Amino acid sequence: MSESCNYKVIISDTAKQMLGIHIRFLAQVNKSAAVTKKQKIMAALRSLSKMPQRFPFFDEMCVPKNKYHKMFIENWYLVLYQIQDDTVYVDYILDCRKDYSWL
């Protein structure tokens, strides 16, 4: 696949639920901040349609080597995604302040 091509970005139901939890929690404190945060995260996810390989692999003992790429958003969010052919599959949106060894 050429790097100039657009990739289709598919966000898993799990990732959507994780994002929803983060945004709902933030909305309890500040609704405006929650809306802004969601917009920034969604823009970052959409950016994966261009050159998703630009982010390194997630290299942790808890996941198979070279399975997921990792993208950090802002200070606290870690997005784990896979690239298959011309499609990017976003599987997880994690809060880096929490333990993710359950992966």
C-alpha atoms as a PDB file:
ATOM      1  CA  MET A   1       0.000   0.000   0.000  1.00  0.00           C
ATOM      2  CA  SER A   2       1.398   3.379  -0.956  1.00  0.00           C
ATOM      3  CA  GLU A   3       1.911   5.869   1.862  1.00  0.00           C
ATOM      4  CA  SER A   4       0.010   8.518  -0.120  1.00  0.00           C
ATOM      5  CA  CYS A   5      -3.208   6.453  -0.114  1.00  0.00           C
ATOM      6  CA  ASN A   6      -5.977   6.978   2.362  1.00  0.00           C
ATOM      7  CA  TYR A   7      -6.665   4.230   4.842  1.00  0.00           C
ATOM      8  CA  LYS A   8     -10.105   3.397   6.134  1.00  0.00           C
ATOM      9  CA  VAL A   9     -10.278   3.837   9.932  1.00  0.00           C
ATOM     10  CA  ILE A  10     -12.584   1.491  11.845  1.00  0.00           C
ATOM     11  CA  ILE A  11     -13.114   2.063  15.553  1.00  0.00           C
ATOM     12  CA  SER A  12     -14.094  -1.063  17.469  1.00  0.00           C
ATOM     13  CA  ASP A  13     -17.089  -1.150  19.774  1.00  0.00           C
ATOM     14  CA  THR A  14     -14.663  -1.682  22.667  1.00  0.00           C
ATOM     15  CA  ALA A  15     -12.717   1.478  21.768  1.00  0.00           C
ATOM     16  CA  LYS A  16     -15.969   3.441  21.420  1.00  0.00           C
ATOM     17  CA  GLN A  17     -17.076   2.275  24.856  1.00  0.00           C
ATOM     18  CA  MET A  18     -13.708   3.190  26.365  1.00  0.00           C
ATOM     19  CA  LEU A  19     -13.894   6.662  24.809  1.00  0.00           C
ATOM     20  CA  GLY A  20     -17.449   7.069  26.070  1.00  0.00           C
ATOM     21  CA  ILE A  21     -16.375   6.252  29.620  1.00  0.00           C
ATOM     22  CA  HIS A  22     -13.582   8.849  29.482  1.00  0.00           C
ATOM     23  CA  ILE A  23     -15.813  11.549  28.026  1.00  0.00           C
ATOM     24  CA  ARG A  24     -18.713  10.893  30.422  1.00  0.00           C
ATOM     25  CA  PHE A  25     -16.361  11.084  33.395  1.00  0.00           C
ATOM     26  CA  LEU A  26     -14.907  14.383  32.176  1.00  0.00           C
ATOM     27  CA  ALA A  27     -18.402  15.749  31.454  1.00  0.00           C
ATOM     28  CA  GLN A  28     -19.311  15.308  35.114  1.00  0.00           C
ATOM     29  CA  VAL A  29     -16.640  17.870  35.912  1.00  0.00           C
ATOM     30  CA  ASN A  30     -16.750  20.121  32.846  1.00  0.00           C
ATOM     31  CA  LYS A  31     -19.093  19.564  29.885  1.00  0.00           C
ATOM     32  CA  SER A  32     -17.293  22.039  27.667  1.00  0.00           C
ATOM     33  CA  ALA A  33     -13.953  20.353  28.288  1.00  0.00           C
ATOM     34  CA  ALA A  34     -15.533  16.975  27.518  1.00  0.00           C
ATOM     35  CA  VAL A  35     -16.807  18.194  24.139  1.00  0.00           C
ATOM     36  CA  THR A  36     -13.415  19.682  23.282  1.00  0.00           C
ATOM     37  CA  LYS A  37     -11.577  16.532  24.378  1.00  0.00           C
ATOM     38  CA  LYS A  38     -13.821  14.301  22.285  1.00  0.00           C
ATOM     39  CA  GLN A  39     -13.283  16.517  19.234  1.00  0.00           C
ATOM     40  CA  LYS A  40      -9.493  16.342  19.673  1.00  0.00           C
ATOM     41  CA  ILE A  41      -9.514  12.582  20.114  1.00  0.00           C
ATOM     42  CA  MET A  42     -11.755  12.041  17.088  1.00  0.00           C
ATOM     43  CA  ALA A  43      -9.543  14.312  14.963  1.00  0.00           C
ATOM     44  CA  ALA A  44      -6.485  12.311  16.030  1.00  0.00           C
ATOM     45  CA  LEU A  45      -8.239   9.052  15.155  1.00  0.00           C
ATOM     46  CA  ARG A  46      -9.234  10.408  11.742  1.00  0.00           C
ATOM     47  CA  SER A  47      -5.601  11.403  11.151  1.00  0.00           C
ATOM     48  CA  LEU A  48      -4.741   7.703  11.068  1.00  0.00           C
ATOM     49  CA  SER A  49      -6.186   7.636   7.548  1.00  0.00           C
ATOM     50  CA  LYS A  50      -2.890   9.189   6.439  1.00  0.00           C
ATOM     51  CA  MET A  51       0.358   7.329   7.127  1.00  0.00           C
ATOM     52  CA  PRO A  52      -0.735   5.263  10.135  1.00  0.00           C
ATOM     53  CA  GLN A  53       2.729   3.658  10.143  1.00  0.00           C
ATOM     54  CA  ARG A  54       4.185   6.918  11.498  1.00  0.00           C
ATOM     55  CA  PHE A  55       3.564   5.737  15.053  1.00  0.00           C
ATOM     56  CA  PRO A  56       5.756   3.030  16.640  1.00  0.00           C
ATOM     57  CA  PHE A  57       4.709  -0.413  17.725  1.00  0.00           C
ATOM     58  CA  PHE A  58       3.398  -0.940  21.244  1.00  0.00           C
ATOM     59  CA  ASP A  59       6.177  -2.930  22.857  1.00  0.00           C
ATOM     60  CA  GLU A  60       4.877  -4.393  26.104  1.00  0.00           C
ATOM     61  CA  MET A  61       5.059  -7.851  27.607  1.00  0.00           C
ATOM     62  CA  CYS A  62       1.264  -8.078  27.804  1.00  0.00           C
ATOM     63  CA  VAL A  63       0.678  -8.035  24.012  1.00  0.00           C
ATOM     64  CA  PRO A  64       2.202  -9.903  21.075  1.00  0.00           C
ATOM     65  CA  LYS A  65       5.216  -8.154  19.551  1.00  0.00           C
ATOM     66  CA  ASN A  66       4.475  -5.894  16.553  1.00  0.00           C
ATOM     67  CA  LYS A  67       0.718  -6.429  16.773  1.00  0.00           C
ATOM     68  CA  TYR A  68      -0.380  -2.925  17.734  1.00  0.00           C
ATOM     69  CA  HIS A  69       0.836   0.528  16.875  1.00  0.00           C
ATOM     70  CA  LYS A  70       0.535   3.124  19.613  1.00  0.00           C
ATOM     71  CA  MET A  71      -0.514   6.740  19.355  1.00  0.00           C
ATOM     72  CA  PHE A  72      -0.546   9.098  22.311  1.00  0.00           C
ATOM     73  CA  ILE A  73      -3.211  11.813  22.368  1.00  0.00           C
ATOM     74  CA  GLU A  74      -2.761  14.788  24.621  1.00  0.00           C
ATOM     75  CA  ASN A  75      -1.257  13.759  27.950  1.00  0.00           C
ATOM     76  CA  TRP A  76      -3.404  10.832  29.018  1.00  0.00           C
ATOM     77  CA  TYR A  77      -4.738   8.790  26.141  1.00  0.00           C
ATOM     78  CA  LEU A  78      -3.106   5.855  24.424  1.00  0.00           C
ATOM     79  CA  VAL A  79      -4.661   4.501  21.237  1.00  0.00           C
ATOM     80  CA  LEU A  80      -3.749   0.975  20.164  1.00  0.00           C
ATOM     81  CA  TYR A  81      -4.458   0.054  16.573  1.00  0.00           C
ATOM     82  CA  GLN A  82      -3.605  -2.475  13.888  1.00  0.00           C
ATOM     83  CA  ILE A  83      -3.007  -1.928  10.194  1.00  0.00           C
ATOM     84  CA  GLN A  84      -4.256  -4.553   7.784  1.00  0.00           C
ATOM     85  CA  ASP A  85      -4.006  -3.839   4.073  1.00  0.00           C
ATOM     86  CA  ASP A  86      -5.720  -0.452   3.573  1.00  0.00           C
ATOM     87  CA  THR A  87      -7.616  -0.462   6.878  1.00  0.00           C
ATOM     88  CA  VAL A  88      -6.696   0.789  10.344  1.00  0.00           C
ATOM     89  CA  TYR A  89      -8.481  -0.974  13.187  1.00  0.00           C
ATOM     90  CA  VAL A  90      -8.589   1.048  16.405  1.00  0.00           C
ATOM     91  CA  ASP A  91      -9.013  -1.549  19.131  1.00  0.00           C
ATOM     92  CA  TYR A  92      -8.379   0.339  22.380  1.00  0.00           C
ATOM     93  CA  ILE A  93      -8.405   3.884  23.741  1.00  0.00           C
ATOM     94  CA  LEU A  94      -6.716   3.709  27.137  1.00  0.00           C
ATOM     95  CA  ASP A  95      -6.321   6.185  29.930  1.00  0.00           C
ATOM     96  CA  CYS A  96      -2.569   6.091  30.648  1.00  0.00           C
ATOM     97  CA  ARG A  97      -3.191   6.916  34.299  1.00  0.00           C
ATOM     98  CA  LYS A  98      -4.731   3.473  34.781  1.00  0.00           C
ATOM     99  CA  ASP A  99      -3.181   0.019  34.718  1.00  0.00           C
ATOM    100  CA  TYR A 100      -3.606  -1.682  31.331  1.00  0.00           C
ATOM    101  CA  SER A 101      -1.887  -4.974  32.117  1.00  0.00           C
ATOM    102  CA  TRP A 102      -5.295  -6.636  31.612  1.00  0.00           C
ATOM    103  CA  LEU A 103      -4.659  -6.428  27.868  1.00  0.00           C
END
